[in-house]
Amino acid sequence: MAVIVVGGMIGLGKTSVSTLLGQALHSEVFYESVDDNPILPLFYTASPEEIETKRYPFLLQLHFLNTRFKAIKQALVHNRNVLDRSIYEDWYFAKVNRELGRISQLEFDVYEGLADNMMEELAELPKKAPDLMVYLKASFETVIHRIGLRGRSFEQDASLVEYYRLLWSGYDEWVMNHYHASEVLIVDMDVIDVVNREADAAFLVEQVKAKLADLAIA
């Protein structure tokens, strides 16, 4: 039984890679809650005043924490699953929003308490963690280019560039030094395009299969 999480910056193709791996490995895919997420557009388009009064960043983190907890609980008790981002990355996003002052220290403390309780519950399952993170890594220029290509209107405002830059600037460090749930396979998305190049898609699938074989996971 292999459980794979696909992680990485906004816009780099987590959903496309998750779909690809799900098809190749005959796995169910648990997708990130985006299209059915009522808070996400508000998070991106809210003014500073609305953020202060409506607390959209905090509400968004709670929404993602809840949906990802539900997804990983299901994934860890069934064979062969792929998660389009996972609960483990949520803390990093909450931390960045705390640094920006978009989440208060009290809200962050509440968030961490809930996340810790969820991690303790996962530790009680027969399978306690994923087997592999497929981490999509790229330059900031590639991140911005692919966010633009994706075309979600609420992600395009120029005022978001510095938010994206702050997320991007610490992402590699978080994965390398703070993510301990599983082994990590780094994929260079500056050179890999699984959507438009079939050879790249096949190469990525073979990389994942080889990594799972090295880990002795069928």
N, C-alpha and C. Protein backbone atom coordinates (compact mmCIF):
# COMPACT_ATOMS: atom_id res chain seq x y z
N MET A 1 0.85 -1.19 0.00
CA MET A 1 0.00 0.00 0.00
C MET A 1 0.88 1.24 0.00
N ALA A 2 0.73 2.10 -0.97
CA ALA A 2 1.50 3.33 -1.06
C ALA A 2 0.57 4.53 -0.94
N VAL A 3 0.92 5.44 -0.04
CA VAL A 3 0.21 6.71 0.07
C VAL A 3 1.20 7.81 -0.28
N ILE A 4 0.85 8.60 -1.29
CA ILE A 4 1.73 9.65 -1.81
C ILE A 4 1.06 10.99 -1.61
N VAL A 5 1.81 11.97 -1.12
CA VAL A 5 1.32 13.35 -1.08
C VAL A 5 2.11 14.15 -2.11
N VAL A 6 1.41 15.02 -2.82
CA VAL A 6 2.04 15.89 -3.80
C VAL A 6 2.02 17.30 -3.23
N GLY A 7 3.20 17.89 -3.05
CA GLY A 7 3.30 19.19 -2.41
C GLY A 7 4.04 20.20 -3.27
N GLY A 8 4.00 21.44 -2.84
CA GLY A 8 4.72 22.47 -3.56
C GLY A 8 3.95 23.77 -3.65
N MET A 9 4.59 24.77 -4.21
CA MET A 9 4.04 26.10 -4.30
C MET A 9 2.76 26.14 -5.12
N ILE A 10 1.98 27.17 -4.84
CA ILE A 10 0.77 27.46 -5.61
C ILE A 10 1.12 27.53 -7.09
N GLY A 11 0.32 26.88 -7.92
CA GLY A 11 0.45 27.03 -9.36
C GLY A 11 1.39 26.09 -10.06
N LEU A 12 2.13 25.26 -9.34
CA LEU A 12 3.16 24.44 -9.98
C LEU A 12 2.64 23.12 -10.57
N GLY A 13 1.36 22.83 -10.41
CA GLY A 13 0.82 21.66 -11.07
C GLY A 13 0.55 20.47 -10.18
N LYS A 14 0.27 20.72 -8.89
CA LYS A 14 0.01 19.61 -7.98
C LYS A 14 -1.17 18.77 -8.43
N THR A 15 -2.23 19.43 -8.87
CA THR A 15 -3.42 18.69 -9.29
C THR A 15 -3.13 17.85 -10.53
N SER A 16 -2.40 18.41 -11.49
CA SER A 16 -2.05 17.65 -12.70
C SER A 16 -1.16 16.46 -12.37
N VAL A 17 -0.18 16.67 -11.50
CA VAL A 17 0.71 15.57 -11.10
C VAL A 17 -0.07 14.52 -10.31
N SER A 18 -0.95 14.95 -9.43
CA SER A 18 -1.75 14.01 -8.65
C SER A 18 -2.62 13.16 -9.57
N THR A 19 -3.25 13.79 -10.56
CA THR A 19 -4.08 13.05 -11.52
C THR A 19 -3.24 12.05 -12.30
N LEU A 20 -2.08 12.49 -12.76
CA LEU A 20 -1.17 11.63 -13.50
C LEU A 20 -0.77 10.40 -12.68
N LEU A 21 -0.37 10.62 -11.43
CA LEU A 21 0.07 9.51 -10.59
C LEU A 21 -1.11 8.61 -10.22
N GLY A 22 -2.27 9.20 -10.01
CA GLY A 22 -3.44 8.38 -9.73
C GLY A 22 -3.75 7.42 -10.86
N GLN A 23 -3.66 7.92 -12.08
CA GLN A 23 -3.92 7.07 -13.24
C GLN A 23 -2.84 6.01 -13.41
N ALA A 24 -1.59 6.41 -13.24
CA ALA A 24 -0.47 5.49 -13.46
C ALA A 24 -0.41 4.39 -12.40
N LEU A 25 -0.77 4.74 -11.17
CA LEU A 25 -0.66 3.79 -10.06
C LEU A 25 -2.00 3.16 -9.70
N HIS A 26 -3.03 3.48 -10.48
CA HIS A 26 -4.38 2.96 -10.22
C HIS A 26 -4.82 3.30 -8.80
N SER A 27 -4.61 4.55 -8.45
CA SER A 27 -4.88 5.03 -7.10
C SER A 27 -6.04 6.01 -7.10
N GLU A 28 -6.73 6.08 -5.98
CA GLU A 28 -7.69 7.15 -5.78
C GLU A 28 -6.92 8.44 -5.51
N VAL A 29 -7.48 9.56 -5.97
CA VAL A 29 -6.86 10.86 -5.75
C VAL A 29 -7.77 11.71 -4.88
N PHE A 30 -7.21 12.26 -3.82
CA PHE A 30 -7.93 13.19 -2.95
C PHE A 30 -7.48 14.60 -3.31
N TYR A 31 -8.37 15.36 -3.94
CA TYR A 31 -8.00 16.67 -4.46
C TYR A 31 -8.17 17.76 -3.42
N GLU A 32 -7.35 18.79 -3.56
CA GLU A 32 -7.44 19.96 -2.69
C GLU A 32 -8.79 20.64 -2.88
N SER A 33 -9.36 21.12 -1.78
CA SER A 33 -10.66 21.80 -1.83
C SER A 33 -10.47 23.21 -2.37
N VAL A 34 -10.74 23.37 -3.68
CA VAL A 34 -10.57 24.69 -4.31
C VAL A 34 -11.89 25.17 -4.90
N ASP A 35 -12.40 24.44 -5.89
CA ASP A 35 -13.62 24.88 -6.57
C ASP A 35 -14.82 24.93 -5.64
N ASP A 36 -14.82 24.07 -4.62
CA ASP A 36 -15.94 24.05 -3.67
C ASP A 36 -15.61 24.79 -2.37
N ASN A 37 -14.60 25.63 -2.43
CA ASN A 37 -14.14 26.33 -1.23
C ASN A 37 -14.72 27.75 -1.22
N PRO A 38 -15.66 28.04 -0.32
CA PRO A 38 -16.30 29.36 -0.35
C PRO A 38 -15.41 30.49 0.17
N ILE A 39 -14.33 30.14 0.87
CA ILE A 39 -13.50 31.16 1.51
C ILE A 39 -12.32 31.57 0.63
N LEU A 40 -11.84 30.68 -0.23
CA LEU A 40 -10.62 30.94 -0.99
C LEU A 40 -10.68 32.22 -1.82
N PRO A 41 -11.72 32.45 -2.62
CA PRO A 41 -11.75 33.73 -3.37
C PRO A 41 -11.77 34.95 -2.46
N LEU A 42 -12.43 34.84 -1.32
CA LEU A 42 -12.48 35.96 -0.38
C LEU A 42 -11.10 36.23 0.22
N PHE A 43 -10.36 35.17 0.48
CA PHE A 43 -9.00 35.30 1.02
C PHE A 43 -8.12 36.11 0.07
N TYR A 44 -8.23 35.84 -1.22
CA TYR A 44 -7.36 36.50 -2.20
C TYR A 44 -7.80 37.92 -2.55
N THR A 45 -9.08 38.21 -2.43
CA THR A 45 -9.59 39.49 -2.91
C THR A 45 -9.92 40.47 -1.79
N ALA A 46 -9.85 40.03 -0.55
CA ALA A 46 -10.23 40.90 0.57
C ALA A 46 -9.25 42.05 0.74
N SER A 47 -9.78 43.20 1.11
CA SER A 47 -8.94 44.34 1.45
C SER A 47 -8.33 44.12 2.83
N PRO A 48 -7.29 44.88 3.19
CA PRO A 48 -6.75 44.76 4.55
C PRO A 48 -7.81 44.97 5.62
N GLU A 49 -8.73 45.88 5.37
CA GLU A 49 -9.81 46.14 6.34
C GLU A 49 -10.73 44.93 6.46
N GLU A 50 -11.04 44.30 5.35
CA GLU A 50 -11.90 43.11 5.39
C GLU A 50 -11.19 41.95 6.07
N ILE A 51 -9.90 41.81 5.83
CA ILE A 51 -9.14 40.76 6.51
C ILE A 51 -9.17 40.98 8.01
N GLU A 52 -9.05 42.23 8.42
CA GLU A 52 -9.05 42.55 9.85
C GLU A 52 -10.39 42.22 10.50
N THR A 53 -11.48 42.51 9.81
CA THR A 53 -12.80 42.31 10.42
C THR A 53 -13.38 40.92 10.16
N LYS A 54 -13.15 40.37 8.98
CA LYS A 54 -13.77 39.08 8.61
C LYS A 54 -12.89 37.88 8.95
N ARG A 55 -11.59 38.08 9.14
CA ARG A 55 -10.63 37.02 9.52
C ARG A 55 -10.59 35.90 8.48
N TYR A 56 -10.62 36.25 7.20
CA TYR A 56 -10.62 35.24 6.14
C TYR A 56 -9.40 34.32 6.16
N PRO A 57 -8.18 34.83 6.42
CA PRO A 57 -7.02 33.92 6.44
C PRO A 57 -7.17 32.82 7.49
N PHE A 58 -7.63 33.19 8.68
CA PHE A 58 -7.82 32.20 9.74
C PHE A 58 -8.91 31.19 9.35
N LEU A 59 -10.01 31.69 8.82
CA LEU A 59 -11.10 30.80 8.40
C LEU A 59 -10.64 29.87 7.28
N LEU A 60 -9.82 30.38 6.36
CA LEU A 60 -9.33 29.54 5.27
C LEU A 60 -8.44 28.42 5.80
N GLN A 61 -7.56 28.76 6.75
CA GLN A 61 -6.70 27.72 7.31
C GLN A 61 -7.51 26.66 8.04
N LEU A 62 -8.56 27.05 8.75
CA LEU A 62 -9.41 26.07 9.41
C LEU A 62 -10.14 25.20 8.40
N HIS A 63 -10.59 25.81 7.31
CA HIS A 63 -11.28 25.04 6.26
C HIS A 63 -10.34 24.00 5.67
N PHE A 64 -9.13 24.41 5.30
CA PHE A 64 -8.18 23.47 4.71
C PHE A 64 -7.78 22.40 5.71
N LEU A 65 -7.57 22.79 6.96
CA LEU A 65 -7.19 21.81 7.98
C LEU A 65 -8.26 20.74 8.10
N ASN A 66 -9.51 21.15 8.12
CA ASN A 66 -10.61 20.21 8.26
C ASN A 66 -10.71 19.27 7.05
N THR A 67 -10.66 19.83 5.84
CA THR A 67 -10.83 19.00 4.64
C THR A 67 -9.62 18.08 4.43
N ARG A 68 -8.43 18.56 4.75
CA ARG A 68 -7.24 17.71 4.57
C ARG A 68 -7.15 16.63 5.63
N PHE A 69 -7.62 16.91 6.82
CA PHE A 69 -7.67 15.89 7.86
C PHE A 69 -8.61 14.76 7.44
N LYS A 70 -9.77 15.13 6.94
CA LYS A 70 -10.72 14.13 6.46
C LYS A 70 -10.11 13.29 5.33
N ALA A 71 -9.42 13.96 4.40
CA ALA A 71 -8.84 13.25 3.26
C ALA A 71 -7.74 12.30 3.68
N ILE A 72 -6.83 12.74 4.57
CA ILE A 72 -5.71 11.86 4.91
C ILE A 72 -6.17 10.70 5.78
N LYS A 73 -7.20 10.91 6.60
CA LYS A 73 -7.74 9.78 7.36
C LYS A 73 -8.26 8.70 6.42
N GLN A 74 -8.93 9.11 5.36
CA GLN A 74 -9.44 8.15 4.38
C GLN A 74 -8.30 7.50 3.61
N ALA A 75 -7.31 8.30 3.25
CA ALA A 75 -6.20 7.79 2.43
C ALA A 75 -5.37 6.76 3.18
N LEU A 76 -5.20 6.95 4.47
CA LEU A 76 -4.32 6.08 5.25
C LEU A 76 -4.93 4.72 5.57
N VAL A 77 -6.22 4.57 5.31
CA VAL A 77 -6.84 3.27 5.59
C VAL A 77 -7.28 2.54 4.32
N HIS A 78 -6.90 3.05 3.15
CA HIS A 78 -7.21 2.38 1.89
C HIS A 78 -5.92 2.22 1.07
N ASN A 79 -5.93 1.23 0.19
CA ASN A 79 -4.75 0.97 -0.63
C ASN A 79 -4.58 2.04 -1.71
N ARG A 80 -3.30 2.40 -1.92
CA ARG A 80 -2.91 3.22 -3.08
C ARG A 80 -3.72 4.51 -3.20
N ASN A 81 -3.24 5.52 -2.55
CA ASN A 81 -3.90 6.82 -2.61
C ASN A 81 -2.89 7.93 -2.86
N VAL A 82 -3.37 8.98 -3.54
CA VAL A 82 -2.57 10.17 -3.82
C VAL A 82 -3.33 11.37 -3.27
N LEU A 83 -2.63 12.23 -2.54
CA LEU A 83 -3.24 13.44 -2.00
C LEU A 83 -2.65 14.66 -2.67
N ASP A 84 -3.53 15.49 -3.21
CA ASP A 84 -3.17 16.76 -3.83
C ASP A 84 -2.99 17.78 -2.71
N ARG A 85 -1.76 17.94 -2.27
CA ARG A 85 -1.34 18.63 -1.06
C ARG A 85 -1.95 17.91 0.14
N SER A 86 -1.31 18.06 1.29
CA SER A 86 -1.76 17.31 2.47
C SER A 86 -1.78 18.21 3.69
N ILE A 87 -2.26 17.65 4.77
CA ILE A 87 -2.38 18.37 6.03
C ILE A 87 -1.03 18.86 6.55
N TYR A 88 0.06 18.20 6.15
CA TYR A 88 1.37 18.57 6.69
C TYR A 88 1.82 19.95 6.25
N GLU A 89 1.43 20.36 5.05
CA GLU A 89 1.84 21.67 4.55
C GLU A 89 1.02 22.82 5.12
N ASP A 90 -0.13 22.50 5.69
CA ASP A 90 -1.00 23.56 6.18
C ASP A 90 -0.30 24.45 7.21
N TRP A 91 0.49 23.84 8.08
CA TRP A 91 1.16 24.63 9.12
C TRP A 91 2.04 25.70 8.50
N TYR A 92 2.73 25.38 7.40
CA TYR A 92 3.62 26.35 6.78
C TYR A 92 2.83 27.55 6.27
N PHE A 93 1.68 27.31 5.65
CA PHE A 93 0.85 28.42 5.17
C PHE A 93 0.34 29.27 6.34
N ALA A 94 -0.07 28.60 7.42
CA ALA A 94 -0.53 29.34 8.59
C ALA A 94 0.60 30.19 9.17
N LYS A 95 1.81 29.64 9.20
CA LYS A 95 2.97 30.38 9.72
C LYS A 95 3.24 31.64 8.89
N VAL A 96 3.21 31.51 7.58
CA VAL A 96 3.46 32.67 6.72
C VAL A 96 2.40 33.74 6.94
N ASN A 97 1.14 33.33 7.05
CA ASN A 97 0.08 34.32 7.28
C ASN A 97 0.21 34.95 8.66
N ARG A 98 0.74 34.18 9.62
CA ARG A 98 1.02 34.78 10.94
C ARG A 98 2.13 35.82 10.81
N GLU A 99 3.17 35.54 10.07
CA GLU A 99 4.27 36.48 9.89
C GLU A 99 3.81 37.76 9.20
N LEU A 100 2.84 37.64 8.33
CA LEU A 100 2.30 38.79 7.62
C LEU A 100 1.29 39.57 8.45
N GLY A 101 0.94 39.05 9.61
CA GLY A 101 -0.05 39.71 10.44
C GLY A 101 -1.48 39.48 10.00
N ARG A 102 -1.68 38.56 9.06
CA ARG A 102 -3.03 38.26 8.57
C ARG A 102 -3.74 37.28 9.49
N ILE A 103 -2.97 36.54 10.30
CA ILE A 103 -3.50 35.68 11.34
C ILE A 103 -2.88 36.15 12.65
N SER A 104 -3.68 36.31 13.67
CA SER A 104 -3.16 36.79 14.96
C SER A 104 -2.44 35.65 15.69
N GLN A 105 -1.67 36.00 16.70
CA GLN A 105 -0.98 34.97 17.48
C GLN A 105 -1.99 34.06 18.17
N LEU A 106 -3.08 34.64 18.69
CA LEU A 106 -4.11 33.82 19.33
C LEU A 106 -4.72 32.84 18.34
N GLU A 107 -5.03 33.32 17.14
CA GLU A 107 -5.59 32.43 16.10
C GLU A 107 -4.60 31.33 15.75
N PHE A 108 -3.33 31.70 15.64
CA PHE A 108 -2.30 30.70 15.31
C PHE A 108 -2.19 29.66 16.41
N ASP A 109 -2.28 30.08 17.66
CA ASP A 109 -2.23 29.14 18.77
C ASP A 109 -3.42 28.18 18.72
N VAL A 110 -4.60 28.69 18.43
CA VAL A 110 -5.79 27.83 18.29
C VAL A 110 -5.59 26.85 17.14
N TYR A 111 -5.10 27.36 16.01
CA TYR A 111 -4.84 26.51 14.85
C TYR A 111 -3.86 25.39 15.20
N GLU A 112 -2.75 25.74 15.85
CA GLU A 112 -1.75 24.72 16.19
C GLU A 112 -2.32 23.68 17.15
N GLY A 113 -3.16 24.11 18.09
CA GLY A 113 -3.77 23.15 18.99
C GLY A 113 -4.64 22.15 18.27
N LEU A 114 -5.45 22.63 17.32
CA LEU A 114 -6.28 21.73 16.54
C LEU A 114 -5.42 20.79 15.69
N ALA A 115 -4.40 21.35 15.04
CA ALA A 115 -3.52 20.53 14.19
C ALA A 115 -2.81 19.46 15.01
N ASP A 116 -2.34 19.80 16.19
CA ASP A 116 -1.67 18.82 17.04
C ASP A 116 -2.62 17.70 17.44
N ASN A 117 -3.86 18.04 17.78
CA ASN A 117 -4.84 17.01 18.11
C ASN A 117 -5.09 16.07 16.94
N MET A 118 -5.13 16.63 15.74
CA MET A 118 -5.35 15.82 14.54
C MET A 118 -4.17 14.89 14.29
N MET A 119 -2.95 15.40 14.48
CA MET A 119 -1.77 14.56 14.30
C MET A 119 -1.76 13.40 15.29
N GLU A 120 -2.21 13.66 16.51
CA GLU A 120 -2.28 12.59 17.51
C GLU A 120 -3.29 11.53 17.10
N GLU A 121 -4.39 11.96 16.49
CA GLU A 121 -5.38 10.99 16.04
C GLU A 121 -4.84 10.15 14.88
N LEU A 122 -4.11 10.78 13.97
CA LEU A 122 -3.51 10.02 12.86
C LEU A 122 -2.52 8.98 13.40
N ALA A 123 -1.84 9.32 14.48
CA ALA A 123 -0.86 8.39 15.05
C ALA A 123 -1.50 7.12 15.60
N GLU A 124 -2.82 7.14 15.79
CA GLU A 124 -3.53 5.97 16.29
C GLU A 124 -3.95 5.03 15.17
N LEU A 125 -3.82 5.45 13.92
CA LEU A 125 -4.23 4.61 12.80
C LEU A 125 -3.17 3.53 12.55
N PRO A 126 -3.58 2.39 11.95
CA PRO A 126 -2.59 1.34 11.63
C PRO A 126 -1.46 1.86 10.74
N LYS A 127 -1.81 2.65 9.73
CA LYS A 127 -0.81 3.33 8.91
C LYS A 127 -0.82 4.78 9.32
N LYS A 128 0.29 5.31 9.77
CA LYS A 128 0.31 6.57 10.48
C LYS A 128 0.71 7.77 9.63
N ALA A 129 1.29 7.55 8.45
CA ALA A 129 1.82 8.66 7.66
C ALA A 129 1.96 8.23 6.21
N PRO A 130 2.12 9.19 5.29
CA PRO A 130 2.37 8.84 3.89
C PRO A 130 3.71 8.13 3.73
N ASP A 131 3.88 7.52 2.57
CA ASP A 131 5.15 6.87 2.23
C ASP A 131 6.10 7.81 1.50
N LEU A 132 5.53 8.78 0.77
CA LEU A 132 6.36 9.61 -0.10
C LEU A 132 5.70 10.96 -0.34
N MET A 133 6.49 12.03 -0.25
CA MET A 133 6.06 13.32 -0.78
C MET A 133 6.75 13.56 -2.11
N VAL A 134 5.97 13.86 -3.13
CA VAL A 134 6.50 14.32 -4.40
C VAL A 134 6.46 15.84 -4.35
N TYR A 135 7.62 16.45 -4.17
CA TYR A 135 7.71 17.89 -3.95
C TYR A 135 8.05 18.61 -5.25
N LEU A 136 7.15 19.47 -5.68
CA LEU A 136 7.33 20.22 -6.92
C LEU A 136 8.05 21.52 -6.60
N LYS A 137 9.25 21.67 -7.16
CA LYS A 137 10.13 22.80 -6.85
C LYS A 137 10.41 23.58 -8.13
N ALA A 138 10.47 24.91 -8.00
CA ALA A 138 10.74 25.73 -9.19
C ALA A 138 11.21 27.11 -8.78
N SER A 139 11.74 27.84 -9.76
CA SER A 139 12.11 29.24 -9.54
C SER A 139 10.86 30.08 -9.33
N PHE A 140 11.05 31.26 -8.76
CA PHE A 140 9.90 32.14 -8.53
C PHE A 140 9.30 32.58 -9.87
N GLU A 141 10.14 32.75 -10.87
CA GLU A 141 9.65 33.16 -12.19
C GLU A 141 8.70 32.09 -12.76
N THR A 142 9.05 30.83 -12.58
CA THR A 142 8.19 29.75 -13.06
C THR A 142 6.88 29.72 -12.28
N VAL A 143 6.95 29.94 -10.97
CA VAL A 143 5.73 29.98 -10.15
C VAL A 143 4.77 31.04 -10.67
N ILE A 144 5.27 32.26 -10.85
CA ILE A 144 4.41 33.36 -11.30
C ILE A 144 3.86 33.09 -12.70
N HIS A 145 4.72 32.55 -13.58
CA HIS A 145 4.27 32.24 -14.94
C HIS A 145 3.14 31.22 -14.92
N ARG A 146 3.27 30.21 -14.11
CA ARG A 146 2.24 29.14 -14.11
C ARG A 146 0.98 29.57 -13.38
N ILE A 147 1.09 30.43 -12.39
CA ILE A 147 -0.12 30.99 -11.79
C ILE A 147 -0.89 31.78 -12.85
N GLY A 148 -0.15 32.52 -13.67
CA GLY A 148 -0.78 33.28 -14.74
C GLY A 148 -1.44 32.38 -15.77
N LEU A 149 -0.77 31.29 -16.14
CA LEU A 149 -1.34 30.36 -17.11
C LEU A 149 -2.61 29.71 -16.59
N ARG A 150 -2.65 29.43 -15.28
CA ARG A 150 -3.82 28.77 -14.71
C ARG A 150 -5.06 29.64 -14.83
N GLY A 151 -4.89 30.95 -14.69
CA GLY A 151 -5.96 31.88 -15.02
C GLY A 151 -7.07 32.03 -14.02
N ARG A 152 -6.88 31.58 -12.78
CA ARG A 152 -7.92 31.86 -11.78
C ARG A 152 -7.90 33.35 -11.48
N SER A 153 -9.01 34.02 -11.72
CA SER A 153 -9.03 35.48 -11.64
C SER A 153 -8.61 35.99 -10.27
N PHE A 154 -9.03 35.31 -9.20
CA PHE A 154 -8.73 35.81 -7.86
C PHE A 154 -7.28 35.64 -7.48
N GLU A 155 -6.48 34.91 -8.29
CA GLU A 155 -5.05 34.74 -7.99
C GLU A 155 -4.17 35.73 -8.73
N GLN A 156 -4.74 36.56 -9.60
CA GLN A 156 -3.94 37.33 -10.55
C GLN A 156 -3.56 38.73 -10.11
N ASP A 157 -4.15 39.24 -9.04
CA ASP A 157 -3.89 40.62 -8.65
C ASP A 157 -2.41 40.84 -8.35
N ALA A 158 -1.89 41.95 -8.85
CA ALA A 158 -0.46 42.25 -8.68
C ALA A 158 -0.07 42.40 -7.22
N SER A 159 -1.02 42.74 -6.36
CA SER A 159 -0.72 42.91 -4.95
C SER A 159 -0.38 41.59 -4.27
N LEU A 160 -0.67 40.47 -4.92
CA LEU A 160 -0.39 39.16 -4.34
C LEU A 160 1.03 38.69 -4.58
N VAL A 161 1.78 39.39 -5.44
CA VAL A 161 3.11 38.91 -5.82
C VAL A 161 4.01 38.75 -4.60
N GLU A 162 3.99 39.70 -3.70
CA GLU A 162 4.87 39.61 -2.53
C GLU A 162 4.44 38.50 -1.59
N TYR A 163 3.13 38.23 -1.52
CA TYR A 163 2.66 37.08 -0.74
C TYR A 163 3.20 35.79 -1.33
N TYR A 164 3.12 35.66 -2.65
CA TYR A 164 3.66 34.47 -3.31
C TYR A 164 5.17 34.37 -3.08
N ARG A 165 5.85 35.51 -3.14
CA ARG A 165 7.30 35.49 -2.98
C ARG A 165 7.70 35.02 -1.56
N LEU A 166 6.95 35.48 -0.57
CA LEU A 166 7.26 35.07 0.80
C LEU A 166 7.00 33.57 0.98
N LEU A 167 5.89 33.08 0.46
CA LEU A 167 5.62 31.63 0.51
C LEU A 167 6.75 30.86 -0.16
N TRP A 168 7.11 31.28 -1.35
CA TRP A 168 8.12 30.58 -2.14
C TRP A 168 9.49 30.60 -1.44
N SER A 169 9.83 31.73 -0.83
CA SER A 169 11.18 31.90 -0.30
C SER A 169 11.49 30.93 0.83
N GLY A 170 10.49 30.47 1.55
CA GLY A 170 10.75 29.57 2.67
C GLY A 170 10.29 28.14 2.46
N TYR A 171 9.71 27.86 1.30
CA TYR A 171 9.10 26.55 1.08
C TYR A 171 10.14 25.43 1.09
N ASP A 172 11.23 25.61 0.37
CA ASP A 172 12.27 24.58 0.31
C ASP A 172 12.82 24.28 1.70
N GLU A 173 13.06 25.35 2.46
CA GLU A 173 13.61 25.16 3.81
C GLU A 173 12.64 24.38 4.69
N TRP A 174 11.34 24.67 4.56
CA TRP A 174 10.35 23.93 5.35
C TRP A 174 10.37 22.44 4.99
N VAL A 175 10.39 22.14 3.70
CA VAL A 175 10.38 20.74 3.27
C VAL A 175 11.65 20.02 3.74
N MET A 176 12.79 20.64 3.56
CA MET A 176 14.05 19.98 3.86
C MET A 176 14.30 19.83 5.37
N ASN A 177 13.82 20.79 6.17
CA ASN A 177 14.18 20.81 7.58
C ASN A 177 13.03 20.57 8.56
N HIS A 178 11.80 20.65 8.08
CA HIS A 178 10.67 20.55 9.01
C HIS A 178 9.66 19.48 8.63
N TYR A 179 9.71 18.98 7.42
CA TYR A 179 8.79 17.92 7.02
C TYR A 179 9.46 16.57 7.27
N HIS A 180 8.89 15.78 8.17
CA HIS A 180 9.51 14.51 8.56
C HIS A 180 8.56 13.31 8.41
N ALA A 181 7.39 13.54 7.79
CA ALA A 181 6.39 12.47 7.75
C ALA A 181 6.77 11.34 6.81
N SER A 182 7.57 11.64 5.77
CA SER A 182 7.89 10.62 4.77
C SER A 182 9.17 10.99 4.04
N GLU A 183 9.60 10.09 3.16
CA GLU A 183 10.67 10.41 2.22
C GLU A 183 10.17 11.47 1.24
N VAL A 184 11.11 12.18 0.62
CA VAL A 184 10.76 13.25 -0.32
C VAL A 184 11.44 13.00 -1.66
N LEU A 185 10.68 13.12 -2.74
CA LEU A 185 11.21 13.10 -4.10
C LEU A 185 11.03 14.49 -4.68
N ILE A 186 12.14 15.16 -5.00
CA ILE A 186 12.08 16.53 -5.53
C ILE A 186 11.98 16.48 -7.05
N VAL A 187 11.02 17.24 -7.59
CA VAL A 187 10.81 17.31 -9.03
C VAL A 187 11.04 18.75 -9.46
N ASP A 188 11.93 18.95 -10.42
CA ASP A 188 12.28 20.29 -10.90
C ASP A 188 11.26 20.74 -11.94
N MET A 189 10.32 21.57 -11.53
CA MET A 189 9.27 22.02 -12.43
C MET A 189 9.72 23.15 -13.36
N ASP A 190 10.97 23.60 -13.21
CA ASP A 190 11.52 24.51 -14.20
C ASP A 190 11.74 23.80 -15.54
N VAL A 191 11.92 22.49 -15.47
CA VAL A 191 12.21 21.73 -16.69
C VAL A 191 11.17 20.66 -17.00
N ILE A 192 10.29 20.35 -16.05
CA ILE A 192 9.28 19.31 -16.24
C ILE A 192 7.93 19.95 -16.53
N ASP A 193 7.25 19.47 -17.56
CA ASP A 193 5.90 19.93 -17.90
C ASP A 193 5.06 18.70 -18.21
N VAL A 194 4.35 18.21 -17.20
CA VAL A 194 3.60 16.96 -17.37
C VAL A 194 2.33 17.16 -18.17
N VAL A 195 1.89 18.40 -18.32
CA VAL A 195 0.65 18.68 -19.05
C VAL A 195 0.88 18.69 -20.55
N ASN A 196 1.97 19.31 -20.98
CA ASN A 196 2.19 19.53 -22.41
C ASN A 196 3.23 18.62 -23.04
N ARG A 197 3.96 17.85 -22.22
CA ARG A 197 4.99 16.96 -22.79
C ARG A 197 4.82 15.55 -22.24
N GLU A 198 4.39 14.64 -23.08
CA GLU A 198 4.14 13.27 -22.66
C GLU A 198 5.40 12.61 -22.11
N ALA A 199 6.55 12.94 -22.69
CA ALA A 199 7.81 12.35 -22.22
C ALA A 199 8.09 12.76 -20.79
N ASP A 200 7.78 14.01 -20.44
CA ASP A 200 7.99 14.47 -19.07
C ASP A 200 7.05 13.74 -18.10
N ALA A 201 5.82 13.55 -18.54
CA ALA A 201 4.86 12.83 -17.69
C ALA A 201 5.33 11.40 -17.44
N ALA A 202 5.79 10.74 -18.49
CA ALA A 202 6.27 9.36 -18.33
C ALA A 202 7.51 9.31 -17.45
N PHE A 203 8.40 10.30 -17.61
CA PHE A 203 9.61 10.35 -16.80
C PHE A 203 9.27 10.50 -15.31
N LEU A 204 8.32 11.38 -15.01
CA LEU A 204 7.94 11.59 -13.61
C LEU A 204 7.34 10.32 -13.01
N VAL A 205 6.48 9.65 -13.76
CA VAL A 205 5.89 8.41 -13.26
C VAL A 205 6.97 7.38 -12.97
N GLU A 206 7.95 7.27 -13.85
CA GLU A 206 9.03 6.30 -13.62
C GLU A 206 9.87 6.68 -12.41
N GLN A 207 10.10 7.99 -12.21
CA GLN A 207 10.82 8.44 -11.03
C GLN A 207 10.10 8.02 -9.75
N VAL A 208 8.80 8.21 -9.73
CA VAL A 208 8.01 7.86 -8.54
C VAL A 208 8.02 6.36 -8.32
N LYS A 209 7.83 5.59 -9.38
CA LYS A 209 7.83 4.14 -9.24
C LYS A 209 9.19 3.65 -8.74
N ALA A 210 10.26 4.22 -9.26
CA ALA A 210 11.61 3.82 -8.81
C ALA A 210 11.82 4.17 -7.35
N LYS A 211 11.33 5.33 -6.92
CA LYS A 211 11.47 5.73 -5.52
C LYS A 211 10.69 4.78 -4.61
N LEU A 212 9.49 4.43 -5.02
CA LEU A 212 8.70 3.49 -4.22
C LEU A 212 9.38 2.13 -4.16
N ALA A 213 9.99 1.71 -5.27
CA ALA A 213 10.72 0.44 -5.26
C ALA A 213 11.90 0.49 -4.31
N ASP A 214 12.61 1.63 -4.31
CA ASP A 214 13.73 1.79 -3.36
C ASP A 214 13.27 1.69 -1.92
N LEU A 215 12.04 2.18 -1.68
CA LEU A 215 11.48 2.13 -0.32
C LEU A 215 10.82 0.78 -0.03
N ALA A 216 10.87 -0.12 -1.01
CA ALA A 216 10.26 -1.44 -0.87
C ALA A 216 8.76 -1.36 -0.65
N ILE A 217 8.13 -0.44 -1.40
CA ILE A 217 6.68 -0.26 -1.32
C ILE A 217 6.09 -0.63 -2.67
N ALA A 218 5.16 -1.55 -2.67
CA ALA A 218 4.55 -2.00 -3.92
C ALA A 218 3.52 -0.98 -4.40
